[in-house]
């Protein structure tokens, strides 16, 4: 895993609010901390704004008629109509009020979403009208996963998920600053192993070069930084081998048989209807290959002092650390078409 702790301050800091401040402060002090300030926006706020903009654009004629009764030209532009009737100020005021309401709701949601890490459990409480309280015991942690979808990755945030034994028992912290997520994952693993949490534990600190430069460095940095991880062994899946393994898979063989069957059917019957019937299935298979290729790029497996670290992804990245003693089974298989190349498929439970 990548551990980039910040420089600890000389005095106990105030509860962090995400970003760089959260990365520099100890997040395992047993106190309640808040997530990144952009969390409400990243968890659905952007989608809400897009949908709201689409609805307002679709109903703009009705809205203008509601606020400014009167006849309008059928082909008239509502924006020009508002301008000509001198009500631009009222419209702008309505937009400002709407934005303030959204910001207020986002702020309230962020204020009511807190987490804390003690020597025994990780607690998360959230919700405004309906409160939700989840706990994860450190001795039941099976792994810690950090996901960085594309949009949160642009804003320098990540989602930390704590997997523990039991159905639907995972605890999510979405979203934290990238440095805060790496730091917190490291500290939780230290506590789960029974060691004492130490601010100096971990790899070398990473200096900040400004918000914009930090975002650029995070976007184009390698998925696994061997210097920071101190890994004793790193296994990487090369892009060429990845492409070849996908082409020599059972799925590809099945698709080739389907395509051959379609060609034979058209040649014998002269009917092209079967092509249109199977075309959606071919498109679905193409999407499957694109998703698998994108997710499997930069695939690395590293043996670290905290356990086995698995990372993958290009546009949206994900990495998981499996603590020692949490691996219950290992499955090793070799598909028929892979045997000449000596490739293996390994699955960890």
Protein backbone atom coordinates (compact mmCIF):
# COMPACT_ATOMS: atom_id res chain seq x y z
CA UNK A 1 0.00 0.00 0.00
CA UNK A 2 1.04 3.61 -0.42
CA UNK A 3 1.65 5.41 2.90
CA UNK A 4 2.38 9.08 2.69
CA UNK A 5 1.91 10.57 6.14
CA UNK A 6 2.20 14.27 6.63
CA UNK A 7 4.55 15.94 9.10
CA UNK A 8 2.98 15.75 12.59
CA UNK A 9 2.35 19.16 14.17
CA UNK A 10 3.96 20.07 17.48
CA UNK A 11 0.62 20.57 19.23
CA UNK A 12 -2.61 18.52 19.14
CA UNK A 13 -4.56 19.74 16.11
CA UNK A 14 -8.22 20.57 15.82
CA UNK A 15 -10.47 17.94 14.25
CA UNK A 16 -9.63 17.87 10.56
CA UNK A 17 -12.09 18.46 7.77
CA UNK A 18 -10.41 16.41 5.07
CA UNK A 19 -7.74 17.19 2.51
CA UNK A 20 -4.20 17.95 3.59
CA UNK A 21 -5.15 18.90 7.14
CA UNK A 22 -6.61 15.45 7.71
CA UNK A 23 -3.50 13.79 6.31
CA UNK A 24 -1.23 15.63 8.71
CA UNK A 25 -3.34 14.98 11.81
CA UNK A 26 -3.58 11.66 13.64
CA UNK A 27 -6.95 10.21 12.66
CA UNK A 28 -6.77 7.40 15.21
CA UNK A 29 -6.86 9.55 18.34
CA UNK A 30 -10.32 8.30 19.33
CA UNK A 31 -11.97 11.65 18.53
CA UNK A 32 -14.73 12.25 15.99
CA UNK A 33 -13.51 13.51 12.62
CA UNK A 34 -15.33 14.65 9.51
CA UNK A 35 -14.86 13.58 5.92
CA UNK A 36 -13.64 15.70 3.02
CA UNK A 37 -15.81 18.87 2.58
CA UNK A 38 -16.66 17.84 -1.01
CA UNK A 39 -18.15 14.53 0.14
CA UNK A 40 -21.86 15.48 -0.33
CA UNK A 41 -21.13 16.77 -3.82
CA UNK A 42 -19.15 13.68 -4.82
CA UNK A 43 -21.73 11.27 -3.38
CA UNK A 44 -24.55 12.46 -5.60
CA UNK A 45 -24.53 16.23 -5.57
CA UNK A 46 -23.05 16.51 -9.08
CA UNK A 47 -25.70 14.14 -10.44
CA UNK A 48 -28.41 16.12 -8.62
CA UNK A 49 -27.23 19.41 -10.11
CA UNK A 50 -27.15 17.92 -13.63
CA UNK A 51 -30.66 16.50 -13.26
CA UNK A 52 -31.95 19.76 -11.81
CA UNK A 53 -30.42 21.72 -14.69
CA UNK A 54 -32.02 19.37 -17.21
CA UNK A 55 -35.45 19.71 -15.55
CA UNK A 56 -35.22 23.49 -15.38
CA UNK A 57 -34.16 23.68 -19.03
CA UNK A 58 -37.04 21.40 -20.07
CA UNK A 59 -39.62 23.37 -18.08
CA UNK A 60 -38.23 26.86 -18.62
CA UNK A 61 -41.25 27.99 -20.67
CA UNK A 62 -43.66 26.87 -17.95
CA UNK A 63 -41.53 28.46 -15.24
CA UNK A 64 -41.42 31.81 -17.05
CA UNK A 65 -45.19 31.66 -17.55
CA UNK A 66 -45.68 30.87 -13.85
CA UNK A 67 -43.58 33.78 -12.57
CA UNK A 68 -44.49 36.21 -15.36
CA UNK A 69 -48.08 35.58 -16.48
CA UNK A 70 -48.89 36.83 -19.93
CA UNK A 71 -48.82 35.88 -23.55
CA UNK A 72 -45.53 34.86 -25.06
CA UNK A 73 -44.58 34.17 -28.61
CA UNK A 74 -44.57 30.50 -29.42
CA UNK A 75 -41.07 30.65 -30.81
CA UNK A 76 -39.81 33.26 -28.35
CA UNK A 77 -36.73 32.75 -26.20
CA UNK A 78 -37.59 32.75 -22.47
CA UNK A 79 -34.21 34.35 -21.67
CA UNK A 80 -34.91 37.25 -24.03
CA UNK A 81 -38.44 37.48 -22.65
CA UNK A 82 -37.11 37.78 -19.08
CA UNK A 83 -34.62 40.44 -20.14
CA UNK A 84 -37.18 42.50 -22.04
CA UNK A 85 -39.59 42.51 -19.09
CA UNK A 86 -36.95 43.70 -16.63
CA UNK A 87 -37.15 40.76 -14.22
CA UNK A 88 -33.55 39.59 -14.55
CA UNK A 89 -32.90 40.50 -10.93
CA UNK A 90 -35.75 38.33 -9.67
CA UNK A 91 -34.57 35.38 -11.73
CA UNK A 92 -31.00 35.74 -10.49
CA UNK A 93 -32.30 36.02 -6.94
CA UNK A 94 -34.21 32.77 -7.37
CA UNK A 95 -31.08 31.05 -8.67
CA UNK A 96 -29.04 32.33 -5.73
CA UNK A 97 -31.68 31.14 -3.25
CA UNK A 98 -31.74 27.71 -4.89
CA UNK A 99 -27.93 27.44 -4.72
CA UNK A 100 -27.94 28.53 -1.07
CA UNK A 101 -30.52 25.85 -0.24
CA UNK A 102 -28.42 23.18 -1.97
CA UNK A 103 -25.25 24.35 -0.25
CA UNK A 104 -27.05 24.36 3.09
CA UNK A 105 -28.29 20.81 2.60
CA UNK A 106 -24.82 19.65 1.53
CA UNK A 107 -23.23 21.36 4.55
CA UNK A 108 -25.74 19.82 6.97
CA UNK A 109 -25.15 16.37 5.47
CA UNK A 110 -21.38 16.83 5.80
CA UNK A 111 -21.63 18.05 9.41
CA UNK A 112 -23.70 15.03 10.44
CA UNK A 113 -21.32 12.49 8.84
CA UNK A 114 -18.48 11.67 11.25
CA UNK A 115 -16.10 8.84 12.03
CA UNK A 116 -13.63 7.89 14.72
CA UNK A 117 -10.99 5.22 15.19
CA UNK A 118 -10.14 3.86 18.61
CA UNK A 119 -7.92 1.03 19.73
CA UNK A 120 -10.80 -1.43 19.25
CA UNK A 121 -13.29 -0.23 16.63
CA UNK A 122 -13.95 2.05 13.67
CA UNK A 123 -17.26 3.91 14.00
CA UNK A 124 -19.18 5.87 11.39
CA UNK A 125 -22.37 7.81 12.05
CA UNK A 126 -24.33 9.68 9.42
CA UNK A 127 -27.79 10.88 8.45
CA UNK A 128 -29.86 13.98 9.18
CA UNK A 129 -33.43 12.75 9.65
CA UNK A 130 -32.61 9.05 9.88
CA UNK A 131 -29.38 8.36 11.73
CA UNK A 132 -27.13 5.46 10.74
CA UNK A 133 -24.40 4.10 13.00
CA UNK A 134 -21.96 1.42 11.79
CA UNK A 135 -19.05 -0.18 13.61
CA UNK A 136 -16.14 -2.35 12.53
CA UNK A 137 -14.09 -4.18 15.14
CA UNK A 138 -10.37 -4.12 14.45
CA UNK A 139 -9.97 -7.82 15.25
CA UNK A 140 -12.54 -8.69 12.53
CA UNK A 141 -10.99 -6.66 9.71
CA UNK A 142 -10.39 -8.82 6.63
CA UNK A 143 -8.92 -6.10 4.42
CA UNK A 144 -8.89 -2.38 3.66
CA UNK A 145 -9.68 -1.16 0.17
CA UNK A 146 -9.03 2.33 -1.25
CA UNK A 147 -10.98 3.24 -4.39
CA UNK A 148 -10.42 6.36 -6.49
CA UNK A 149 -13.16 6.78 -9.12
CA UNK A 150 -12.48 9.26 -11.91
CA UNK A 151 -14.39 12.31 -10.63
CA UNK A 152 -13.26 12.01 -6.97
CA UNK A 153 -9.74 11.34 -8.26
CA UNK A 154 -9.75 14.70 -10.06
CA UNK A 155 -10.59 16.41 -6.77
CA UNK A 156 -7.86 14.52 -4.90
CA UNK A 157 -10.20 12.34 -2.85
CA UNK A 158 -10.62 8.60 -2.31
CA UNK A 159 -13.06 6.15 -0.74
CA UNK A 160 -11.77 3.92 2.05
CA UNK A 161 -13.69 0.69 2.68
CA UNK A 162 -13.05 -1.57 5.65
CA UNK A 163 -14.02 -5.18 4.95
CA UNK A 164 -14.82 -7.28 8.00
CA UNK A 165 -16.29 -10.69 8.70
CA UNK A 166 -20.06 -10.95 8.32
CA UNK A 167 -22.67 -10.19 5.68
CA UNK A 168 -23.10 -6.50 4.81
CA UNK A 169 -20.63 -5.62 7.55
CA UNK A 170 -18.30 -3.38 5.56
CA UNK A 171 -17.74 0.19 6.71
CA UNK A 172 -17.10 2.94 4.16
CA UNK A 173 -15.48 6.34 4.57
CA UNK A 174 -16.37 8.26 1.42
CA UNK A 175 -14.65 10.54 0.83
CA UNK A 176 -11.26 11.37 2.36
CA UNK A 177 -8.30 13.23 0.96
CA UNK A 178 -5.89 10.88 -0.82
CA UNK A 179 -3.17 11.41 1.76
CA UNK A 180 -5.65 11.07 4.61
CA UNK A 181 -6.95 7.77 3.19
CA UNK A 182 -3.44 6.34 2.83
CA UNK A 183 -2.49 7.52 6.31
CA UNK A 184 -5.66 6.19 7.94
CA UNK A 185 -5.37 2.81 6.23
CA UNK A 186 -1.83 2.48 7.56
CA UNK A 187 -2.80 3.43 11.11
CA UNK A 188 -5.79 1.07 11.20
CA UNK A 189 -3.60 -1.82 10.05
CA UNK A 190 -1.09 -1.00 12.77
CA UNK A 191 -3.82 -0.98 15.43
CA UNK A 192 -5.40 -4.16 14.05
CA UNK A 193 -2.03 -5.95 14.35
CA UNK A 194 -1.89 -5.07 18.04
CA UNK A 195 0.98 -2.60 17.68
CA UNK A 196 0.97 0.88 19.12
CA UNK A 197 -0.08 3.65 16.75
CA UNK A 198 2.94 5.85 16.13
CA UNK A 199 2.92 9.11 14.16
CA UNK A 200 6.37 8.26 12.87
CA UNK A 201 5.36 4.85 11.54
CA UNK A 202 5.44 4.58 7.79
CA UNK A 203 7.43 5.74 4.80
CA UNK A 204 8.81 9.11 3.88
CA UNK A 205 6.52 12.10 3.88
CA UNK A 206 5.48 13.80 0.66
CA UNK A 207 5.81 17.56 0.44
CA UNK A 208 3.00 19.66 -0.99
CA UNK A 209 3.74 21.75 -4.09
CA UNK A 210 0.41 23.53 -4.32
CA UNK A 211 -3.14 22.26 -4.82
CA UNK A 212 -3.00 22.14 -8.62
CA UNK A 213 0.42 20.49 -8.78
CA UNK A 214 -0.62 17.95 -6.13
CA UNK A 215 -3.69 16.99 -8.21
CA UNK A 216 -1.53 16.54 -11.31
CA UNK A 217 1.02 14.43 -9.39
CA UNK A 218 -1.75 12.23 -7.94
CA UNK A 219 -3.42 11.74 -11.34
CA UNK A 220 -0.24 10.65 -13.13
CA UNK A 221 1.63 8.96 -10.29
CA UNK A 222 2.16 5.18 -10.54
CA UNK A 223 -0.47 3.01 -8.87
CA UNK A 224 2.23 1.55 -6.62
CA UNK A 225 5.18 3.54 -5.30
CA UNK A 226 7.82 0.95 -4.29
CA UNK A 227 9.86 3.51 -2.34
CA UNK A 228 6.94 4.49 -0.13
CA UNK A 229 5.65 0.94 0.22
CA UNK A 230 8.98 -0.66 1.17
CA UNK A 231 7.76 -3.82 -0.55
CA UNK A 232 10.04 -6.83 -0.45
CA UNK A 233 8.54 -8.27 -3.63
CA UNK A 234 6.40 -6.74 -6.39
CA UNK A 235 4.61 -8.66 -9.14
CA UNK A 236 3.23 -6.71 -12.10
CA UNK A 237 0.96 -7.76 -14.98
CA UNK A 238 2.31 -6.28 -18.21
CA UNK A 239 -0.16 -4.75 -20.72
CA UNK A 240 0.94 -7.10 -23.50
CA UNK A 241 0.38 -10.18 -21.38
CA UNK A 242 -2.96 -8.78 -20.21
CA UNK A 243 -4.21 -8.33 -23.79
CA UNK A 244 -2.96 -11.75 -24.83
CA UNK A 245 -4.57 -13.44 -21.83
CA UNK A 246 -7.91 -11.82 -22.65
CA UNK A 247 -7.71 -12.92 -26.30
CA UNK A 248 -6.85 -16.48 -25.23
CA UNK A 249 -9.69 -16.72 -22.72
CA UNK A 250 -12.75 -18.95 -22.80
CA UNK A 251 -14.95 -15.90 -23.35
CA UNK A 252 -13.11 -15.07 -26.57
CA UNK A 253 -13.41 -18.67 -27.75
CA UNK A 254 -17.15 -18.60 -27.09
CA UNK A 255 -17.55 -15.34 -29.03
CA UNK A 256 -15.64 -16.75 -31.98
CA UNK A 257 -17.91 -19.79 -32.03
CA UNK A 258 -20.99 -17.52 -31.93
CA UNK A 259 -19.67 -15.40 -34.79
CA UNK A 260 -18.85 -18.51 -36.83
CA UNK A 261 -22.34 -19.82 -36.19
CA UNK A 262 -23.85 -16.54 -37.35
CA UNK A 263 -21.82 -16.60 -40.56
CA UNK A 264 -22.82 -20.19 -41.31
CA UNK A 265 -26.47 -19.41 -40.58
CA UNK A 266 -26.50 -16.43 -42.95
CA UNK A 267 -24.69 -18.43 -45.65
CA UNK A 268 -27.18 -21.32 -45.47
CA UNK A 269 -30.44 -19.41 -45.04
CA UNK A 270 -29.67 -16.04 -46.58
CA UNK A 271 -31.50 -14.41 -43.66
CA UNK A 272 -29.78 -11.55 -41.88
CA UNK A 273 -32.29 -11.33 -39.04
CA UNK A 274 -30.03 -13.42 -36.80
CA UNK A 275 -27.35 -10.73 -37.07
CA UNK A 276 -29.66 -8.07 -35.67
CA UNK A 277 -30.75 -10.42 -32.88
CA UNK A 278 -27.22 -11.15 -31.68
CA UNK A 279 -25.82 -7.67 -32.26
CA UNK A 280 -26.68 -6.45 -28.69
CA UNK A 281 -24.86 -9.48 -27.28
CA UNK A 282 -21.75 -8.64 -29.28
CA UNK A 283 -21.89 -5.04 -28.02
CA UNK A 284 -22.21 -6.30 -24.45
CA UNK A 285 -19.18 -8.53 -24.91
CA UNK A 286 -17.20 -5.59 -26.26
CA UNK A 287 -18.12 -3.52 -23.22
CA UNK A 288 -17.03 -6.39 -20.98
CA UNK A 289 -13.59 -6.47 -22.60
CA UNK A 290 -13.18 -2.69 -22.32
CA UNK A 291 -14.12 -2.69 -18.63
CA UNK A 292 -11.91 -5.64 -17.82
CA UNK A 293 -8.94 -4.15 -19.67
CA UNK A 294 -9.35 -0.76 -17.98
CA UNK A 295 -9.69 -2.29 -14.51
CA UNK A 296 -6.80 -4.71 -14.96
CA UNK A 297 -4.22 -2.18 -16.16
CA UNK A 298 -1.45 -1.33 -13.69
CA UNK A 299 -2.22 -4.55 -11.84
CA UNK A 300 0.32 -5.07 -9.06
CA UNK A 301 0.67 -7.47 -6.15
CA UNK A 302 3.14 -6.45 -3.46
CA UNK A 303 4.35 -8.21 -0.35
CA UNK A 304 4.54 -5.48 2.31
CA UNK A 305 5.04 -5.42 6.05
CA UNK A 306 1.27 -4.85 6.48
CA UNK A 307 0.21 -7.80 4.32
CA UNK A 308 -0.54 -8.49 0.67
CA UNK A 309 -1.34 -5.33 -1.29
CA UNK A 310 -3.28 -5.63 -4.55
CA UNK A 311 -3.74 -2.62 -6.83
CA UNK A 312 -5.29 -2.18 -10.25
CA UNK A 313 -7.04 0.29 -12.55
CA UNK A 314 -6.18 3.07 -15.00
CA UNK A 315 -8.93 5.71 -15.04
CA UNK A 316 -10.43 4.65 -11.71
CA UNK A 317 -7.90 3.00 -9.42
CA UNK A 318 -8.37 0.63 -6.52
CA UNK A 319 -5.99 -1.03 -4.09
CA UNK A 320 -6.57 -3.39 -1.18
CA UNK A 321 -4.37 -4.56 1.66
CA UNK A 322 -4.97 -8.00 3.14
CA UNK A 323 -3.49 -8.23 6.66
CA UNK A 324 -1.45 -11.31 7.61
CA UNK A 325 -3.57 -14.26 8.66
CA UNK A 326 -6.68 -13.08 6.78
CA UNK A 327 -6.15 -15.18 3.66
CA UNK A 328 -8.28 -18.32 4.02
CA UNK A 329 -7.79 -19.96 0.62
CA UNK A 330 -5.77 -19.61 -2.58
CA UNK A 331 -7.00 -21.04 -5.89
CA UNK A 332 -4.52 -21.61 -8.74
CA UNK A 333 -5.85 -22.51 -12.18
CA UNK A 334 -4.37 -22.71 -15.67
CA UNK A 335 -6.74 -22.43 -18.66
CA UNK A 336 -5.96 -24.69 -21.58
CA UNK A 337 -4.92 -21.88 -23.94
CA UNK A 338 -2.56 -20.43 -21.33
CA UNK A 339 -0.49 -23.59 -20.85
CA UNK A 340 1.98 -23.02 -23.73
CA UNK A 341 2.89 -19.64 -22.18
CA UNK A 342 3.07 -20.78 -18.56
CA UNK A 343 0.39 -18.34 -17.35
CA UNK A 344 -1.72 -18.94 -14.25
CA UNK A 345 -4.92 -17.52 -12.77
CA UNK A 346 -4.63 -17.02 -8.99
CA UNK A 347 -7.63 -16.15 -6.82
CA UNK A 348 -7.41 -15.24 -3.13
CA UNK A 349 -10.28 -15.74 -0.69
